C-alpha atoms as a PDB file:
ATOM      1  CA  MET A   1     104.163  99.174  20.715  1.00  0.00           C
ATOM      2  CA  ASN A   2     104.207 102.751  19.593  1.00  0.00           C
ATOM      3  CA  ASP A   3     101.123 104.945  19.181  1.00  0.00           C
ATOM      4  CA  SER A   4     100.687 104.300  15.449  1.00  0.00           C
ATOM      5  CA  GLN A   5     100.873 100.504  16.029  1.00  0.00           C
ATOM      6  CA  THR A   6      98.284 100.817  18.849  1.00  0.00           C
ATOM      7  CA  ASN A   7      95.974 102.920  16.653  1.00  0.00           C
ATOM      8  CA  ASN A   8      95.999 100.171  13.950  1.00  0.00           C
ATOM      9  CA  LEU A   9      95.020  97.299  16.250  1.00  0.00           C
ATOM     10  CA  THR A  10      91.693  95.640  15.588  1.00  0.00           C
ATOM     11  CA  VAL A  11      89.862  92.887  17.505  1.00  0.00           C
ATOM     12  CA  GLN A  12      90.942  89.544  16.103  1.00  0.00           C
ATOM     13  CA  ASP A  13      91.577  86.022  17.262  1.00  0.00           C
ATOM     14  CA  ASN A  14      94.148  85.637  20.099  1.00  0.00           C
ATOM     15  CA  TYR A  15      93.909  89.240  21.111  1.00  0.00           C
ATOM     16  CA  ALA A  16      93.274  90.229  24.728  1.00  0.00           C
ATOM     17  CA  VAL A  17      90.260  92.484  24.753  1.00  0.00           C
ATOM     18  CA  GLY A  18      89.155  94.753  27.583  1.00  0.00           C
ATOM     19  CA  LEU A  19      85.554  95.615  27.064  1.00  0.00           C
ATOM     20  CA  GLU A  20      83.300  98.222  28.656  1.00  0.00           C
ATOM     21  CA  TYR A  21      79.671  97.152  28.175  1.00  0.00           C
ATOM     22  CA  THR A  22      76.119  97.715  29.206  1.00  0.00           C
ATOM     23  CA  LEU A  23      73.640  94.880  28.684  1.00  0.00           C
ATOM     24  CA  VAL A  24      69.936  95.866  28.225  1.00  0.00           C
ATOM     25  CA  ILE A  25      67.192  93.224  28.284  1.00  0.00           C
ATOM     26  CA  ASP A  26      63.490  94.076  27.840  1.00  0.00           C
ATOM     27  CA  GLY A  27      64.302  97.791  27.974  1.00  0.00           C
ATOM     28  CA  GLU A  28      66.048  97.538  31.398  1.00  0.00           C
ATOM     29  CA  VAL A  29      69.781  97.687  32.229  1.00  0.00           C
ATOM     30  CA  TYR A  30      70.549  94.163  33.343  1.00  0.00           C
ATOM     31  CA  GLU A  31      74.337  94.383  33.803  1.00  0.00           C
ATOM     32  CA  GLN A  32      77.235  96.729  33.123  1.00  0.00           C
ATOM     33  CA  THR A  33      80.884  97.066  33.800  1.00  0.00           C
ATOM     34  CA  GLU A  34      81.828  99.242  36.769  1.00  0.00           C
ATOM     35  CA  GLU A  35      84.204 102.209  36.282  1.00  0.00           C
ATOM     36  CA  ASN A  36      87.716 100.898  35.622  1.00  0.00           C
ATOM     37  CA  GLN A  37      86.523  97.275  35.737  1.00  0.00           C
ATOM     38  CA  LEU A  38      86.666  95.932  32.193  1.00  0.00           C
ATOM     39  CA  LEU A  39      85.511  92.524  31.018  1.00  0.00           C
ATOM     40  CA  TYR A  40      88.696  90.838  29.822  1.00  0.00           C
ATOM     41  CA  PHE A  41      88.761  87.823  27.446  1.00  0.00           C
ATOM     42  CA  ILE A  42      90.742  86.341  24.593  1.00  0.00           C
ATOM     43  CA  GLN A  43      88.930  86.926  21.265  1.00  0.00           C
ATOM     44  CA  GLY A  44      88.116  83.672  19.531  1.00  0.00           C
ATOM     45  CA  GLY A  45      88.475  81.714  22.800  1.00  0.00           C
ATOM     46  CA  GLU A  46      84.731  81.163  23.179  1.00  0.00           C
ATOM     47  CA  GLN A  47      84.863  82.940  26.594  1.00  0.00           C
ATOM     48  CA  ILE A  48      81.839  85.119  25.815  1.00  0.00           C
ATOM     49  CA  ILE A  49      78.590  84.419  24.094  1.00  0.00           C
ATOM     50  CA  PRO A  50      79.008  83.685  20.352  1.00  0.00           C
ATOM     51  CA  GLY A  51      76.731  86.494  19.109  1.00  0.00           C
ATOM     52  CA  LEU A  52      78.693  89.108  20.971  1.00  0.00           C
ATOM     53  CA  GLU A  53      82.119  87.740  20.148  1.00  0.00           C
ATOM     54  CA  SER A  54      81.377  87.496  16.388  1.00  0.00           C
ATOM     55  CA  GLN A  55      80.327  91.121  16.201  1.00  0.00           C
ATOM     56  CA  LEU A  56      83.500  92.434  17.870  1.00  0.00           C
ATOM     57  CA  TYR A  57      85.880  91.391  15.086  1.00  0.00           C
ATOM     58  CA  GLY A  58      87.481  94.375  13.394  1.00  0.00           C
ATOM     59  CA  MET A  59      86.679  96.896  16.093  1.00  0.00           C
ATOM     60  CA  LYS A  60      89.515  99.240  16.961  1.00  0.00           C
ATOM     61  CA  LEU A  61      90.745 100.387  20.304  1.00  0.00           C
ATOM     62  CA  GLY A  62      88.379 103.087  21.610  1.00  0.00           C
ATOM     63  CA  GLU A  63      85.565 102.201  19.146  1.00  0.00           C
ATOM     64  CA  ARG A  64      81.988 101.933  20.355  1.00  0.00           C
ATOM     65  CA  ARG A  65      79.236  99.780  18.904  1.00  0.00           C
ATOM     66  CA  GLU A  66      75.624  98.808  19.577  1.00  0.00           C
ATOM     67  CA  ILE A  67      75.110  95.050  19.215  1.00  0.00           C
ATOM     68  CA  LYS A  68      71.932  93.026  19.195  1.00  0.00           C
ATOM     69  CA  VAL A  69      72.288  89.298  19.977  1.00  0.00           C
ATOM     70  CA  SER A  70      69.506  86.851  19.216  1.00  0.00           C
ATOM     71  CA  PRO A  71      68.606  84.051  21.658  1.00  0.00           C
ATOM     72  CA  GLU A  72      70.268  81.549  19.327  1.00  0.00           C
ATOM     73  CA  GLU A  73      73.487  83.394  19.428  1.00  0.00           C
ATOM     74  CA  GLY A  74      73.231  84.245  23.163  1.00  0.00           C
ATOM     75  CA  TYR A  75      71.904  81.824  25.841  1.00  0.00           C
ATOM     76  CA  GLY A  76      69.712  79.727  23.562  1.00  0.00           C
ATOM     77  CA  GLU A  77      65.986  79.477  23.123  1.00  0.00           C
ATOM     78  CA  TYR A  78      63.831  78.885  26.147  1.00  0.00           C
ATOM     79  CA  ASP A  79      63.023  75.145  26.444  1.00  0.00           C
ATOM     80  CA  GLU A  80      59.706  74.301  28.212  1.00  0.00           C
ATOM     81  CA  ASP A  81      60.986  70.752  28.568  1.00  0.00           C
ATOM     82  CA  ALA A  82      63.949  71.905  30.655  1.00  0.00           C
ATOM     83  CA  ILE A  83      61.720  72.208  33.773  1.00  0.00           C
ATOM     84  CA  GLY A  84      61.532  69.179  35.981  1.00  0.00           C
ATOM     85  CA  CYS A  85      59.863  68.155  39.164  1.00  0.00           C
ATOM     86  CA  VAL A  86      62.222  66.889  41.836  1.00  0.00           C
ATOM     87  CA  PRO A  87      61.051  65.490  45.228  1.00  0.00           C
ATOM     88  CA  ARG A  88      62.533  67.499  48.127  1.00  0.00           C
ATOM     89  CA  SER A  89      63.638  64.207  49.624  1.00  0.00           C
ATOM     90  CA  GLU A  90      66.275  63.795  46.831  1.00  0.00           C
ATOM     91  CA  LEU A  91      67.990  67.077  47.686  1.00  0.00           C
ATOM     92  CA  PRO A  92      70.086  68.002  50.696  1.00  0.00           C
ATOM     93  CA  ASP A  93      68.253  69.605  53.601  1.00  0.00           C
ATOM     94  CA  ASP A  94      70.423  72.787  53.514  1.00  0.00           C
ATOM     95  CA  ILE A  95      69.234  73.863  50.000  1.00  0.00           C
ATOM     96  CA  PRO A  96      67.578  77.326  50.273  1.00  0.00           C
ATOM     97  CA  VAL A  97      63.991  76.788  49.144  1.00  0.00           C
ATOM     98  CA  GLU A  98      62.698  80.011  47.632  1.00  0.00           C
ATOM     99  CA  LYS A  99      61.588  81.049  44.150  1.00  0.00           C
ATOM    100  CA  GLY A 100      64.505  81.992  41.984  1.00  0.00           C
ATOM    101  CA  ALA A 101      67.164  80.387  44.177  1.00  0.00           C
ATOM    102  CA  TYR A 102      70.112  79.217  42.080  1.00  0.00           C
ATOM    103  CA  LEU A 103      71.329  75.620  42.525  1.00  0.00           C
ATOM    104  CA  GLN A 104      74.171  73.543  41.272  1.00  0.00           C
ATOM    105  CA  LEU A 105      73.360  69.832  41.182  1.00  0.00           C
ATOM    106  CA  ARG A 106      75.028  66.706  39.894  1.00  0.00           C
ATOM    107  CA  ASP A 107      73.270  64.211  37.694  1.00  0.00           C
ATOM    108  CA  LYS A 108      73.825  60.421  38.003  1.00  0.00           C
ATOM    109  CA  ASP A 109      76.964  60.685  35.772  1.00  0.00           C
ATOM    110  CA  GLY A 110      78.506  63.416  37.994  1.00  0.00           C
ATOM    111  CA  GLU A 111      77.922  66.245  35.515  1.00  0.00           C
ATOM    112  CA  VAL A 112      77.161  69.649  37.113  1.00  0.00           C
ATOM    113  CA  LEU A 113      73.777  71.033  36.289  1.00  0.00           C
ATOM    114  CA  ASP A 114      72.730  74.645  36.895  1.00  0.00           C
ATOM    115  CA  ALA A 115      69.128  75.218  37.844  1.00  0.00           C
ATOM    116  CA  TYR A 116      66.919  77.664  39.668  1.00  0.00           C
ATOM    117  CA  ILE A 117      63.723  77.039  41.597  1.00  0.00           C
ATOM    118  CA  GLU A 118      60.745  77.838  39.462  1.00  0.00           C
ATOM    119  CA  ASP A 119      58.121  76.879  42.091  1.00  0.00           C
ATOM    120  CA  TYR A 120      57.803  74.539  45.053  1.00  0.00           C
ATOM    121  CA  ASP A 121      55.439  72.975  47.584  1.00  0.00           C
ATOM    122  CA  GLU A 122      55.878  70.838  50.682  1.00  0.00           C
ATOM    123  CA  LYS A 123      56.959  67.756  48.746  1.00  0.00           C
ATOM    124  CA  ASN A 124      58.451  68.901  45.429  1.00  0.00           C
ATOM    125  CA  LEU A 125      60.546  71.507  43.715  1.00  0.00           C
ATOM    126  CA  ASP A 126      60.062  72.580  40.061  1.00  0.00           C
ATOM    127  CA  LEU A 127      63.551  73.171  38.881  1.00  0.00           C
ATOM    128  CA  ASN A 128      64.244  75.172  35.688  1.00  0.00           C
ATOM    129  CA  PHE A 129      67.469  74.124  33.923  1.00  0.00           C
ATOM    130  CA  ASN A 130      67.249  76.931  31.287  1.00  0.00           C
ATOM    131  CA  HIS A 131      69.780  79.710  31.595  1.00  0.00           C
ATOM    132  CA  PRO A 132      67.980  82.678  33.206  1.00  0.00           C
ATOM    133  CA  LEU A 133      68.582  84.641  29.928  1.00  0.00           C
ATOM    134  CA  ALA A 134      67.403  81.869  27.605  1.00  0.00           C
ATOM    135  CA  GLY A 135      64.958  83.160  24.990  1.00  0.00           C
ATOM    136  CA  LYS A 136      65.928  86.806  25.559  1.00  0.00           C
ATOM    137  CA  GLU A 137      67.218  89.303  22.952  1.00  0.00           C
ATOM    138  CA  LEU A 138      70.320  90.942  24.322  1.00  0.00           C
ATOM    139  CA  PHE A 139      71.297  94.498  23.493  1.00  0.00           C
ATOM    140  CA  PHE A 140      74.853  95.450  24.231  1.00  0.00           C
ATOM    141  CA  SER A 141      76.438  98.881  24.169  1.00  0.00           C
ATOM    142  CA  VAL A 142      80.192  98.174  23.992  1.00  0.00           C
ATOM    143  CA  LYS A 143      83.507 100.007  23.851  1.00  0.00           C
ATOM    144  CA  VAL A 144      86.840  98.341  23.231  1.00  0.00           C
ATOM    145  CA  ALA A 145      88.833 100.018  26.028  1.00  0.00           C
ATOM    146  CA  ASP A 146      91.920  97.815  26.019  1.00  0.00           C
ATOM    147  CA  LEU A 147      93.339  95.770  23.171  1.00  0.00           C
ATOM    148  CA  ARG A 148      96.643  93.970  22.614  1.00  0.00           C
ATOM    149  CA  PRO A 149      97.931  90.643  21.280  1.00  0.00           C
ATOM    150  CA  ALA A 150      97.516  87.979  24.004  1.00  0.00           C
ATOM    151  CA  THR A 151     100.705  86.435  25.282  1.00  0.00           C
ATOM    152  CA  GLU A 152     101.505  82.771  24.605  1.00  0.00           C
ATOM    153  CA  GLU A 153     100.972  82.106  28.313  1.00  0.00           C
ATOM    154  CA  GLU A 154      97.563  83.730  28.231  1.00  0.00           C
ATOM    155  CA  ILE A 155      96.544  81.664  25.194  1.00  0.00           C
ATOM    156  CA  GLU A 156      97.857  78.537  26.858  1.00  0.00           C
ATOM    157  CA  HIS A 157      95.991  79.274  30.141  1.00  0.00           C
ATOM    158  CA  GLY A 158      92.796  80.351  28.342  1.00  0.00           C
ATOM    159  CA  HIS A 159      92.379  83.729  30.058  1.00  0.00           C
ATOM    160  CA  VAL A 160      93.843  87.200  30.129  1.00  0.00           C
ATOM    161  CA  HIS A 161      96.390  88.071  32.819  1.00  0.00           C
ATOM    162  CA  GLU A 162      95.405  91.661  33.632  1.00  0.00           C
END
């Protein structure tokens, strides 16, 4: 592509996007890309949260934008019913028992469940199955730092080949 074609590119479905971002939650920087380490994804491929992806459409290469994402468009609302008490005896002995420890468990149907330890005592663990960012408003500062049509192979594989 020549420079004039590159300058006319906008974020659209099936484009490989390289994003610089800073995520701020409750006034604190929660996460950000490192220098020369972009977040790559295929636009429209549901590889990032919906509220961020939807607001990237139409952005040009080099463009910056401030984006606010509601819990509904991010990691969902916080669900008080997604906390369950599990007897320690039902879990493997090698699970690290400390507040905030992240666990991956399988339910009776073999589905993987992500949880973290909310609280514990000698006999039980209170496991929280909410995403750690559930119920949070997310504030992104983004820059489209790389942009091009995704290759057929990338679309087929469902990820960008950097």
